[in-house]
Amino acid sequence: MKSLKFLALIASAIVLSACQVLSGGSNSAEPIVITEPEPIEQIQSTFLEGDTLWDFAERTTGSGFNWEKIMILNDIEDERNIDAGIVLLVPPELAVDSLKTQ
């Protein structure tokens, strides 16, 4: 029974320490300010007739190996069944420069 009380006391101390750290500490004069992140610019490109997702990734990111990232970003369920003409999002951090300037 004593060990349970001891564990509860340690857990309480850990929680209080964590609260002090998250609140800026007990001696902190400045409050922590949570701000909204900058919106990420969406980059889009059209899936062309005859394209595979590999082709699309190669054309828009410079590497076909990014096809899975594009698939996940666009919630594509079957990478072999994408209609030509559909506009897909391209991860901004991977997009080729020519897409970033459009």
PDB file of N, CA and C in Angstrom:
ATOM      1  N   MET A   1       0.820  -1.196   0.000  1.00  0.00           N
ATOM      2  CA  MET A   1       0.000   0.000   0.000  1.00  0.00           C
ATOM      3  C   MET A   1       0.861   1.256   0.000  1.00  0.00           C
ATOM      4  N   LYS A   2       1.981   1.218   0.744  1.00  0.00           N
ATOM      5  CA  LYS A   2       2.869   2.368   0.783  1.00  0.00           C
ATOM      6  C   LYS A   2       3.462   2.640  -0.597  1.00  0.00           C
ATOM      7  N   SER A   3       3.744   1.564  -1.356  1.00  0.00           N
ATOM      8  CA  SER A   3       4.343   1.766  -2.674  1.00  0.00           C
ATOM      9  C   SER A   3       3.361   2.441  -3.629  1.00  0.00           C
ATOM     10  N   LEU A   4       2.059   2.169  -3.501  1.00  0.00           N
ATOM     11  CA  LEU A   4       1.065   2.835  -4.335  1.00  0.00           C
ATOM     12  C   LEU A   4       0.976   4.316  -4.018  1.00  0.00           C
ATOM     13  N   LYS A   5       1.044   4.664  -2.743  1.00  0.00           N
ATOM     14  CA  LYS A   5       1.010   6.068  -2.345  1.00  0.00           C
ATOM     15  C   LYS A   5       2.259   6.792  -2.854  1.00  0.00           C
ATOM     16  N   PHE A   6       3.392   6.095  -2.774  1.00  0.00           N
ATOM     17  CA  PHE A   6       4.645   6.667  -3.254  1.00  0.00           C
ATOM     18  C   PHE A   6       4.584   6.908  -4.761  1.00  0.00           C
ATOM     19  N   LEU A   7       4.048   5.935  -5.507  1.00  0.00           N
ATOM     20  CA  LEU A   7       3.909   6.087  -6.960  1.00  0.00           C
ATOM     21  C   LEU A   7       2.964   7.228  -7.305  1.00  0.00           C
ATOM     22  N   ALA A   8       1.886   7.355  -6.554  1.00  0.00           N
ATOM     23  CA  ALA A   8       0.936   8.443  -6.786  1.00  0.00           C
ATOM     24  C   ALA A   8       1.588   9.796  -6.510  1.00  0.00           C
ATOM     25  N   LEU A   9       2.414   9.868  -5.483  1.00  0.00           N
ATOM     26  CA  LEU A   9       3.118  11.097  -5.148  1.00  0.00           C
ATOM     27  C   LEU A   9       4.105  11.474  -6.255  1.00  0.00           C
ATOM     28  N   ILE A  10       4.827  10.497  -6.780  1.00  0.00           N
ATOM     29  CA  ILE A  10       5.777  10.745  -7.875  1.00  0.00           C
ATOM     30  C   ILE A  10       5.028  11.187  -9.132  1.00  0.00           C
ATOM     31  N   ALA A  11       3.919  10.518  -9.444  1.00  0.00           N
ATOM     32  CA  ALA A  11       3.133  10.883 -10.625  1.00  0.00           C
ATOM     33  C   ALA A  11       2.624  12.317 -10.507  1.00  0.00           C
ATOM     34  N   SER A  12       2.179  12.703  -9.317  1.00  0.00           N
ATOM     35  CA  SER A  12       1.702  14.076  -9.107  1.00  0.00           C
ATOM     36  C   SER A  12       2.820  15.083  -9.321  1.00  0.00           C
ATOM     37  N   ALA A  13       4.006  14.765  -8.839  1.00  0.00           N
ATOM     38  CA  ALA A  13       5.153  15.659  -9.007  1.00  0.00           C
ATOM     39  C   ALA A  13       5.510  15.802 -10.478  1.00  0.00           C
ATOM     40  N   ILE A  14       5.443  14.711 -11.226  1.00  0.00           N
ATOM     41  CA  ILE A  14       5.746  14.759 -12.662  1.00  0.00           C
ATOM     42  C   ILE A  14       4.727  15.621 -13.392  1.00  0.00           C
ATOM     43  N   VAL A  15       3.466  15.449 -13.081  1.00  0.00           N
ATOM     44  CA  VAL A  15       2.408  16.235 -13.726  1.00  0.00           C
ATOM     45  C   VAL A  15       2.581  17.717 -13.412  1.00  0.00           C
ATOM     46  N   LEU A  16       2.879  18.060 -12.156  1.00  0.00           N
ATOM     47  CA  LEU A  16       3.073  19.460 -11.789  1.00  0.00           C
ATOM     48  C   LEU A  16       4.285  20.053 -12.500  1.00  0.00           C
ATOM     49  N   SER A  17       5.353  19.279 -12.598  1.00  0.00           N
ATOM     50  CA  SER A  17       6.545  19.760 -13.315  1.00  0.00           C
ATOM     51  C   SER A  17       6.225  20.008 -14.773  1.00  0.00           C
ATOM     52  N   ALA A  18       5.486  19.099 -15.382  1.00  0.00           N
ATOM     53  CA  ALA A  18       5.118  19.258 -16.787  1.00  0.00           C
ATOM     54  C   ALA A  18       4.244  20.494 -16.974  1.00  0.00           C
ATOM     55  N   CYS A  19       3.338  20.743 -16.053  1.00  0.00           N
ATOM     56  CA  CYS A  19       2.476  21.923 -16.155  1.00  0.00           C
ATOM     57  C   CYS A  19       3.299  23.205 -16.061  1.00  0.00           C
ATOM     58  N   GLN A  20       4.302  23.219 -15.194  1.00  0.00           N
ATOM     59  CA  GLN A  20       5.156  24.403 -15.079  1.00  0.00           C
ATOM     60  C   GLN A  20       5.940  24.636 -16.361  1.00  0.00           C
ATOM     61  N   VAL A  21       6.449  23.563 -16.947  1.00  0.00           N
ATOM     62  CA  VAL A  21       7.212  23.691 -18.188  1.00  0.00           C
ATOM     63  C   VAL A  21       6.305  24.215 -19.292  1.00  0.00           C
ATOM     64  N   LEU A  22       5.097  23.649 -19.421  1.00  0.00           N
ATOM     65  CA  LEU A  22       4.178  24.067 -20.477  1.00  0.00           C
ATOM     66  C   LEU A  22       3.682  25.495 -20.286  1.00  0.00           C
ATOM     67  N   SER A  23       3.592  25.932 -19.046  1.00  0.00           N
ATOM     68  CA  SER A  23       3.091  27.286 -18.799  1.00  0.00           C
ATOM     69  C   SER A  23       4.201  28.324 -18.807  1.00  0.00           C
ATOM     70  N   GLY A  24       5.417  27.897 -19.119  1.00  0.00           N
ATOM     71  CA  GLY A  24       6.523  28.839 -19.181  1.00  0.00           C
ATOM     72  C   GLY A  24       7.326  28.878 -17.901  1.00  0.00           C
ATOM     73  N   GLY A  25       7.052  27.961 -16.990  1.00  0.00           N
ATOM     74  CA  GLY A  25       7.799  27.918 -15.733  1.00  0.00           C
ATOM     75  C   GLY A  25       7.176  28.826 -14.699  1.00  0.00           C
ATOM     76  N   SER A  26       7.544  28.616 -13.462  1.00  0.00           N
ATOM     77  CA  SER A  26       6.939  29.400 -12.385  1.00  0.00           C
ATOM     78  C   SER A  26       7.480  30.825 -12.331  1.00  0.00           C
ATOM     79  N   ASN A  27       8.671  31.078 -12.882  1.00  0.00           N
ATOM     80  CA  ASN A  27       9.266  32.411 -12.832  1.00  0.00           C
ATOM     81  C   ASN A  27       9.120  33.178 -14.145  1.00  0.00           C
ATOM     82  N   SER A  28       8.407  32.648 -15.078  1.00  0.00           N
ATOM     83  CA  SER A  28       8.295  33.266 -16.394  1.00  0.00           C
ATOM     84  C   SER A  28       7.327  34.448 -16.357  1.00  0.00           C
ATOM     85  N   ALA A  29       7.785  35.581 -16.914  1.00  0.00           N
ATOM     86  CA  ALA A  29       6.939  36.769 -16.948  1.00  0.00           C
ATOM     87  C   ALA A  29       6.125  36.826 -18.237  1.00  0.00           C
ATOM     88  N   GLU A  30       6.601  36.145 -19.282  1.00  0.00           N
ATOM     89  CA  GLU A  30       5.912  36.200 -20.567  1.00  0.00           C
ATOM     90  C   GLU A  30       5.066  34.948 -20.778  1.00  0.00           C
ATOM     91  N   PRO A  31       3.790  35.133 -21.127  1.00  0.00           N
ATOM     92  CA  PRO A  31       2.939  33.964 -21.384  1.00  0.00           C
ATOM     93  C   PRO A  31       3.306  33.327 -22.729  1.00  0.00           C
ATOM     94  N   ILE A  32       3.006  32.063 -22.859  1.00  0.00           N
ATOM     95  CA  ILE A  32       3.208  31.372 -24.124  1.00  0.00           C
ATOM     96  C   ILE A  32       2.056  31.731 -25.041  1.00  0.00           C
ATOM     97  N   VAL A  33       2.366  32.152 -26.260  1.00  0.00           N
ATOM     98  CA  VAL A  33       1.339  32.536 -27.222  1.00  0.00           C
ATOM     99  C   VAL A  33       1.300  31.492 -28.329  1.00  0.00           C
ATOM    100  N   ILE A  34       0.145  30.920 -28.550  1.00  0.00           N
ATOM    101  CA  ILE A  34      -0.029  29.936 -29.618  1.00  0.00           C
ATOM    102  C   ILE A  34      -0.667  30.645 -30.804  1.00  0.00           C
ATOM    103  N   THR A  35      -0.004  30.584 -31.940  1.00  0.00           N
ATOM    104  CA  THR A  35      -0.514  31.251 -33.137  1.00  0.00           C
ATOM    105  C   THR A  35      -0.842  30.226 -34.207  1.00  0.00           C
ATOM    106  N   GLU A  36      -1.667  30.633 -35.133  1.00  0.00           N
ATOM    107  CA  GLU A  36      -2.013  29.786 -36.268  1.00  0.00           C
ATOM    108  C   GLU A  36      -0.811  29.689 -37.200  1.00  0.00           C
ATOM    109  N   PRO A  37      -0.555  28.509 -37.750  1.00  0.00           N
ATOM    110  CA  PRO A  37       0.554  28.404 -38.702  1.00  0.00           C
ATOM    111  C   PRO A  37       0.229  29.128 -40.003  1.00  0.00           C
ATOM    112  N   GLU A  38       1.272  29.541 -40.700  1.00  0.00           N
ATOM    113  CA  GLU A  38       1.074  30.168 -42.000  1.00  0.00           C
ATOM    114  C   GLU A  38       0.410  29.169 -42.936  1.00  0.00           C
ATOM    115  N   PRO A  39      -0.575  29.609 -43.711  1.00  0.00           N
ATOM    116  CA  PRO A  39      -1.208  28.675 -44.646  1.00  0.00           C
ATOM    117  C   PRO A  39      -0.200  28.223 -45.704  1.00  0.00           C
ATOM    118  N   ILE A  40      -0.274  26.943 -46.035  1.00  0.00           N
ATOM    119  CA  ILE A  40       0.609  26.390 -47.052  1.00  0.00           C
ATOM    120  C   ILE A  40      -0.043  26.599 -48.407  1.00  0.00           C
ATOM    121  N   GLU A  41       0.712  27.193 -49.298  1.00  0.00           N
ATOM    122  CA  GLU A  41       0.192  27.428 -50.639  1.00  0.00           C
ATOM    123  C   GLU A  41      -0.024  26.091 -51.343  1.00  0.00           C
ATOM    124  N   GLN A  42      -1.198  25.926 -51.925  1.00  0.00           N
ATOM    125  CA  GLN A  42      -1.491  24.692 -52.643  1.00  0.00           C
ATOM    126  C   GLN A  42      -0.969  24.798 -54.067  1.00  0.00           C
ATOM    127  N   ILE A  43      -0.282  23.752 -54.481  1.00  0.00           N
ATOM    128  CA  ILE A  43       0.219  23.682 -55.847  1.00  0.00           C
ATOM    129  C   ILE A  43      -0.533  22.562 -56.540  1.00  0.00           C
ATOM    130  N   GLN A  44      -1.064  22.872 -57.707  1.00  0.00           N
ATOM    131  CA  GLN A  44      -1.892  21.919 -58.437  1.00  0.00           C
ATOM    132  C   GLN A  44      -1.356  21.713 -59.845  1.00  0.00           C
ATOM    133  N   SER A  45      -1.671  20.543 -60.388  1.00  0.00           N
ATOM    134  CA  SER A  45      -1.337  20.262 -61.779  1.00  0.00           C
ATOM    135  C   SER A  45      -2.357  19.262 -62.317  1.00  0.00           C
ATOM    136  N   THR A  46      -2.543  19.291 -63.617  1.00  0.00           N
ATOM    137  CA  THR A  46      -3.537  18.431 -64.251  1.00  0.00           C
ATOM    138  C   THR A  46      -2.927  17.093 -64.650  1.00  0.00           C
ATOM    139  N   PHE A  47      -3.642  16.024 -64.339  1.00  0.00           N
ATOM    140  CA  PHE A  47      -3.248  14.673 -64.726  1.00  0.00           C
ATOM    141  C   PHE A  47      -3.571  14.517 -66.210  1.00  0.00           C
ATOM    142  N   LEU A  48      -2.566  14.237 -67.020  1.00  0.00           N
ATOM    143  CA  LEU A  48      -2.724  14.219 -68.476  1.00  0.00           C
ATOM    144  C   LEU A  48      -3.134  12.855 -69.011  1.00  0.00           C
ATOM    145  N   GLU A  49      -3.740  12.859 -70.186  1.00  0.00           N
ATOM    146  CA  GLU A  49      -4.099  11.625 -70.886  1.00  0.00           C
ATOM    147  C   GLU A  49      -2.839  10.783 -71.074  1.00  0.00           C
ATOM    148  N   GLY A  50      -2.896   9.515 -70.707  1.00  0.00           N
ATOM    149  CA  GLY A  50      -1.763   8.610 -70.856  1.00  0.00           C
ATOM    150  C   GLY A  50      -0.793   8.633 -69.687  1.00  0.00           C
ATOM    151  N   ASP A  51      -1.001   9.565 -68.727  1.00  0.00           N
ATOM    152  CA  ASP A  51      -0.132   9.637 -67.554  1.00  0.00           C
ATOM    153  C   ASP A  51      -0.342   8.434 -66.645  1.00  0.00           C
ATOM    154  N   THR A  52       0.725   8.037 -65.984  1.00  0.00           N
ATOM    155  CA  THR A  52       0.637   7.179 -64.808  1.00  0.00           C
ATOM    156  C   THR A  52       0.949   8.090 -63.635  1.00  0.00           C
ATOM    157  N   LEU A  53       0.695   7.622 -62.436  1.00  0.00           N
ATOM    158  CA  LEU A  53       1.013   8.460 -61.282  1.00  0.00           C
ATOM    159  C   LEU A  53       2.524   8.685 -61.198  1.00  0.00           C
ATOM    160  N   TRP A  54       3.303   7.714 -61.651  1.00  0.00           N
ATOM    161  CA  TRP A  54       4.764   7.873 -61.710  1.00  0.00           C
ATOM    162  C   TRP A  54       5.116   9.025 -62.663  1.00  0.00           C
ATOM    163  N   ASP A  55       4.494   9.023 -63.856  1.00  0.00           N
ATOM    164  CA  ASP A  55       4.752  10.087 -64.842  1.00  0.00           C
ATOM    165  C   ASP A  55       4.392  11.454 -64.264  1.00  0.00           C
ATOM    166  N   PHE A  56       3.237  11.511 -63.628  1.00  0.00           N
ATOM    167  CA  PHE A  56       2.771  12.766 -63.037  1.00  0.00           C
ATOM    168  C   PHE A  56       3.763  13.253 -61.980  1.00  0.00           C
ATOM    169  N   ALA A  57       4.194  12.346 -61.108  1.00  0.00           N
ATOM    170  CA  ALA A  57       5.139  12.715 -60.056  1.00  0.00           C
ATOM    171  C   ALA A  57       6.465  13.173 -60.657  1.00  0.00           C
ATOM    172  N   GLU A  58       6.906  12.491 -61.678  1.00  0.00           N
ATOM    173  CA  GLU A  58       8.168  12.868 -62.324  1.00  0.00           C
ATOM    174  C   GLU A  58       8.083  14.266 -62.944  1.00  0.00           C
ATOM    175  N   ARG A  59       6.949  14.546 -63.581  1.00  0.00           N
ATOM    176  CA  ARG A  59       6.761  15.841 -64.239  1.00  0.00           C
ATOM    177  C   ARG A  59       6.599  16.979 -63.235  1.00  0.00           C
ATOM    178  N   THR A  60       5.945  16.701 -62.107  1.00  0.00           N
ATOM    179  CA  THR A  60       5.611  17.773 -61.170  1.00  0.00           C
ATOM    180  C   THR A  60       6.593  17.918 -60.009  1.00  0.00           C
ATOM    181  N   THR A  61       7.328  16.843 -59.704  1.00  0.00           N
ATOM    182  CA  THR A  61       8.260  16.910 -58.576  1.00  0.00           C
ATOM    183  C   THR A  61       9.701  16.621 -58.982  1.00  0.00           C
ATOM    184  N   GLY A  62       9.887  16.135 -60.191  1.00  0.00           N
ATOM    185  CA  GLY A  62      11.232  15.807 -60.641  1.00  0.00           C
ATOM    186  C   GLY A  62      11.639  14.379 -60.349  1.00  0.00           C
ATOM    187  N   SER A  63      10.779  13.622 -59.656  1.00  0.00           N
ATOM    188  CA  SER A  63      11.079  12.230 -59.348  1.00  0.00           C
ATOM    189  C   SER A  63       9.803  11.403 -59.298  1.00  0.00           C
ATOM    190  N   GLY A  64       9.791  10.325 -60.062  1.00  0.00           N
ATOM    191  CA  GLY A  64       8.647   9.415 -60.029  1.00  0.00           C
ATOM    192  C   GLY A  64       8.475   8.747 -58.684  1.00  0.00           C
ATOM    193  N   PHE A  65       9.550   8.697 -57.888  1.00  0.00           N
ATOM    194  CA  PHE A  65       9.476   8.057 -56.580  1.00  0.00           C
ATOM    195  C   PHE A  65       8.549   8.791 -55.610  1.00  0.00           C
ATOM    196  N   ASN A  66       8.093   9.984 -55.962  1.00  0.00           N
ATOM    197  CA  ASN A  66       7.170  10.744 -55.111  1.00  0.00           C
ATOM    198  C   ASN A  66       5.710  10.402 -55.372  1.00  0.00           C
ATOM    199  N   TRP A  67       5.449   9.401 -56.205  1.00  0.00           N
ATOM    200  CA  TRP A  67       4.068   9.072 -56.567  1.00  0.00           C
ATOM    201  C   TRP A  67       3.218   8.724 -55.350  1.00  0.00           C
ATOM    202  N   GLU A  68       3.787   8.043 -54.354  1.00  0.00           N
ATOM    203  CA  GLU A  68       2.997   7.670 -53.178  1.00  0.00           C
ATOM    204  C   GLU A  68       2.595   8.889 -52.352  1.00  0.00           C
ATOM    205  N   LYS A  69       3.470   9.853 -52.247  1.00  0.00           N
ATOM    206  CA  LYS A  69       3.150  11.078 -51.497  1.00  0.00           C
ATOM    207  C   LYS A  69       2.000  11.822 -52.170  1.00  0.00           C
ATOM    208  N   ILE A  70       2.018  11.851 -53.488  1.00  0.00           N
ATOM    209  CA  ILE A  70       0.933  12.499 -54.234  1.00  0.00           C
ATOM    210  C   ILE A  70      -0.358  11.708 -54.058  1.00  0.00           C
ATOM    211  N   MET A  71      -0.247  10.391 -54.083  1.00  0.00           N
ATOM    212  CA  MET A  71      -1.412   9.526 -53.906  1.00  0.00           C
ATOM    213  C   MET A  71      -2.067   9.772 -52.545  1.00  0.00           C
ATOM    214  N   ILE A  72      -1.249   9.848 -51.502  1.00  0.00           N
ATOM    215  CA  ILE A  72      -1.770  10.070 -50.146  1.00  0.00           C
ATOM    216  C   ILE A  72      -2.363  11.471 -50.017  1.00  0.00           C
ATOM    217  N   LEU A  73      -1.662  12.477 -50.522  1.00  0.00           N
ATOM    218  CA  LEU A  73      -2.130  13.862 -50.439  1.00  0.00           C
ATOM    219  C   LEU A  73      -3.491  14.044 -51.105  1.00  0.00           C
ATOM    220  N   ASN A  74      -3.727  13.316 -52.188  1.00  0.00           N
ATOM    221  CA  ASN A  74      -4.971  13.464 -52.955  1.00  0.00           C
ATOM    222  C   ASN A  74      -6.007  12.389 -52.648  1.00  0.00           C
ATOM    223  N   ASP A  75      -5.770  11.590 -51.628  1.00  0.00           N
ATOM    224  CA  ASP A  75      -6.699  10.516 -51.228  1.00  0.00           C
ATOM    225  C   ASP A  75      -7.068   9.607 -52.396  1.00  0.00           C
ATOM    226  N   ILE A  76      -6.085   9.226 -53.189  1.00  0.00           N
ATOM    227  CA  ILE A  76      -6.317   8.343 -54.325  1.00  0.00           C
ATOM    228  C   ILE A  76      -6.322   6.905 -53.816  1.00  0.00           C
ATOM    229  N   GLU A  77      -7.385   6.180 -54.112  1.00  0.00           N
ATOM    230  CA  GLU A  77      -7.504   4.807 -53.637  1.00  0.00           C
ATOM    231  C   GLU A  77      -6.817   3.817 -54.572  1.00  0.00           C
ATOM    232  N   ASP A  78      -6.895   4.049 -55.877  1.00  0.00           N
ATOM    233  CA  ASP A  78      -6.293   3.143 -56.860  1.00  0.00           C
ATOM    234  C   ASP A  78      -5.446   3.957 -57.818  1.00  0.00           C
ATOM    235  N   GLU A  79      -4.133   3.857 -57.668  1.00  0.00           N
ATOM    236  CA  GLU A  79      -3.222   4.665 -58.485  1.00  0.00           C
ATOM    237  C   GLU A  79      -3.262   4.298 -59.960  1.00  0.00           C
ATOM    238  N   ARG A  80      -3.876   3.170 -60.279  1.00  0.00           N
ATOM    239  CA  ARG A  80      -3.972   2.751 -61.682  1.00  0.00           C
ATOM    240  C   ARG A  80      -5.271   3.217 -62.337  1.00  0.00           C
ATOM    241  N   ASN A  81      -6.107   3.907 -61.565  1.00  0.00           N
ATOM    242  CA  ASN A  81      -7.405   4.317 -62.082  1.00  0.00           C
ATOM    243  C   ASN A  81      -7.649   5.798 -61.788  1.00  0.00           C
ATOM    244  N   ILE A  82      -6.931   6.648 -62.515  1.00  0.00           N
ATOM    245  CA  ILE A  82      -7.073   8.100 -62.346  1.00  0.00           C
ATOM    246  C   ILE A  82      -7.508   8.673 -63.682  1.00  0.00           C
ATOM    247  N   ASP A  83      -8.567   9.441 -63.662  1.00  0.00           N
ATOM    248  CA  ASP A  83      -9.095  10.030 -64.890  1.00  0.00           C
ATOM    249  C   ASP A  83      -8.231  11.174 -65.385  1.00  0.00           C
ATOM    250  N   ALA A  84      -7.972  11.185 -66.683  1.00  0.00           N
ATOM    251  CA  ALA A  84      -7.242  12.290 -67.303  1.00  0.00           C
ATOM    252  C   ALA A  84      -8.058  13.571 -67.122  1.00  0.00           C
ATOM    253  N   GLY A  85      -7.369  14.669 -66.891  1.00  0.00           N
ATOM    254  CA  GLY A  85      -8.033  15.956 -66.727  1.00  0.00           C
ATOM    255  C   GLY A  85      -8.266  16.335 -65.284  1.00  0.00           C
ATOM    256  N   ILE A  86      -8.130  15.378 -64.376  1.00  0.00           N
ATOM    257  CA  ILE A  86      -8.343  15.697 -62.967  1.00  0.00           C
ATOM    258  C   ILE A  86      -7.166  16.546 -62.465  1.00  0.00           C
ATOM    259  N   VAL A  87      -7.467  17.498 -61.611  1.00  0.00           N
ATOM    260  CA  VAL A  87      -6.431  18.365 -61.045  1.00  0.00           C
ATOM    261  C   VAL A  87      -6.018  17.781 -59.703  1.00  0.00           C
ATOM    262  N   LEU A  88      -4.713  17.530 -59.560  1.00  0.00           N
ATOM    263  CA  LEU A  88      -4.185  16.942 -58.334  1.00  0.00           C
ATOM    264  C   LEU A  88      -3.299  17.945 -57.602  1.00  0.00           C
ATOM    265  N   LEU A  89      -3.274  17.824 -56.286  1.00  0.00           N
ATOM    266  CA  LEU A  89      -2.373  18.632 -55.474  1.00  0.00           C
ATOM    267  C   LEU A  89      -0.981  18.024 -55.533  1.00  0.00           C
ATOM    268  N   VAL A  90       0.014  18.883 -55.525  1.00  0.00           N
ATOM    269  CA  VAL A  90       1.416  18.470 -55.517  1.00  0.00           C
ATOM    270  C   VAL A  90       2.019  18.992 -54.212  1.00  0.00           C
ATOM    271  N   PRO A  91       2.742  18.153 -53.458  1.00  0.00           N
ATOM    272  CA  PRO A  91       3.350  18.645 -52.223  1.00  0.00           C
ATOM    273  C   PRO A  91       4.247  19.857 -52.510  1.00  0.00           C
ATOM    274  N   PRO A  92       3.992  21.002 -51.897  1.00  0.00           N
ATOM    275  CA  PRO A  92       4.741  22.226 -52.204  1.00  0.00           C
ATOM    276  C   PRO A  92       6.248  22.074 -52.023  1.00  0.00           C
ATOM    277  N   GLU A  93       6.656  21.308 -51.020  1.00  0.00           N
ATOM    278  CA  GLU A  93       8.083  21.161 -50.753  1.00  0.00           C
ATOM    279  C   GLU A  93       8.786  20.298 -51.800  1.00  0.00           C
ATOM    280  N   LEU A  94       7.997  19.574 -52.610  1.00  0.00           N
ATOM    281  CA  LEU A  94       8.576  18.701 -53.637  1.00  0.00           C
ATOM    282  C   LEU A  94       8.384  19.245 -55.053  1.00  0.00           C
ATOM    283  N   ALA A  95       7.516  20.231 -55.218  1.00  0.00           N
ATOM    284  CA  ALA A  95       7.156  20.725 -56.547  1.00  0.00           C
ATOM    285  C   ALA A  95       8.357  21.331 -57.267  1.00  0.00           C
ATOM    286  N   VAL A  96       8.398  21.084 -58.574  1.00  0.00           N
ATOM    287  CA  VAL A  96       9.453  21.697 -59.405  1.00  0.00           C
ATOM    288  C   VAL A  96       9.217  23.209 -59.428  1.00  0.00           C
ATOM    289  N   ASP A  97      10.280  23.950 -59.647  1.00  0.00           N
ATOM    290  CA  ASP A  97      10.204  25.423 -59.613  1.00  0.00           C
ATOM    291  C   ASP A  97       9.193  25.988 -60.596  1.00  0.00           C
ATOM    292  N   SER A  98       9.056  25.362 -61.763  1.00  0.00           N
ATOM    293  CA  SER A  98       8.118  25.905 -62.757  1.00  0.00           C
ATOM    294  C   SER A  98       6.670  25.863 -62.266  1.00  0.00           C
ATOM    295  N   LEU A  99       6.330  24.921 -61.378  1.00  0.00           N
ATOM    296  CA  LEU A  99       4.973  24.882 -60.805  1.00  0.00           C
ATOM    297  C   LEU A  99       4.808  25.920 -59.699  1.00  0.00           C
ATOM    298  N   LYS A 100       5.868  26.217 -58.994  1.00  0.00           N
ATOM    299  CA  LYS A 100       5.800  27.160 -57.886  1.00  0.00           C
ATOM    300  C   LYS A 100       5.568  28.591 -58.358  1.00  0.00           C
ATOM    301  N   THR A 101       5.939  28.879 -59.587  1.00  0.00           N
ATOM    302  CA  THR A 101       5.814  30.248 -60.095  1.00  0.00           C
ATOM    303  C   THR A 101       4.522  30.476 -60.868  1.00  0.00           C
ATOM    304  N   GLN A 102       3.694  29.485 -60.977  1.00  0.00           N
ATOM    305  CA  GLN A 102       2.437  29.654 -61.736  1.00  0.00           C
ATOM    306  C   GLN A 102       1.400  30.343 -60.908  1.00  0.00           C
TER     307      GLN A 102
END
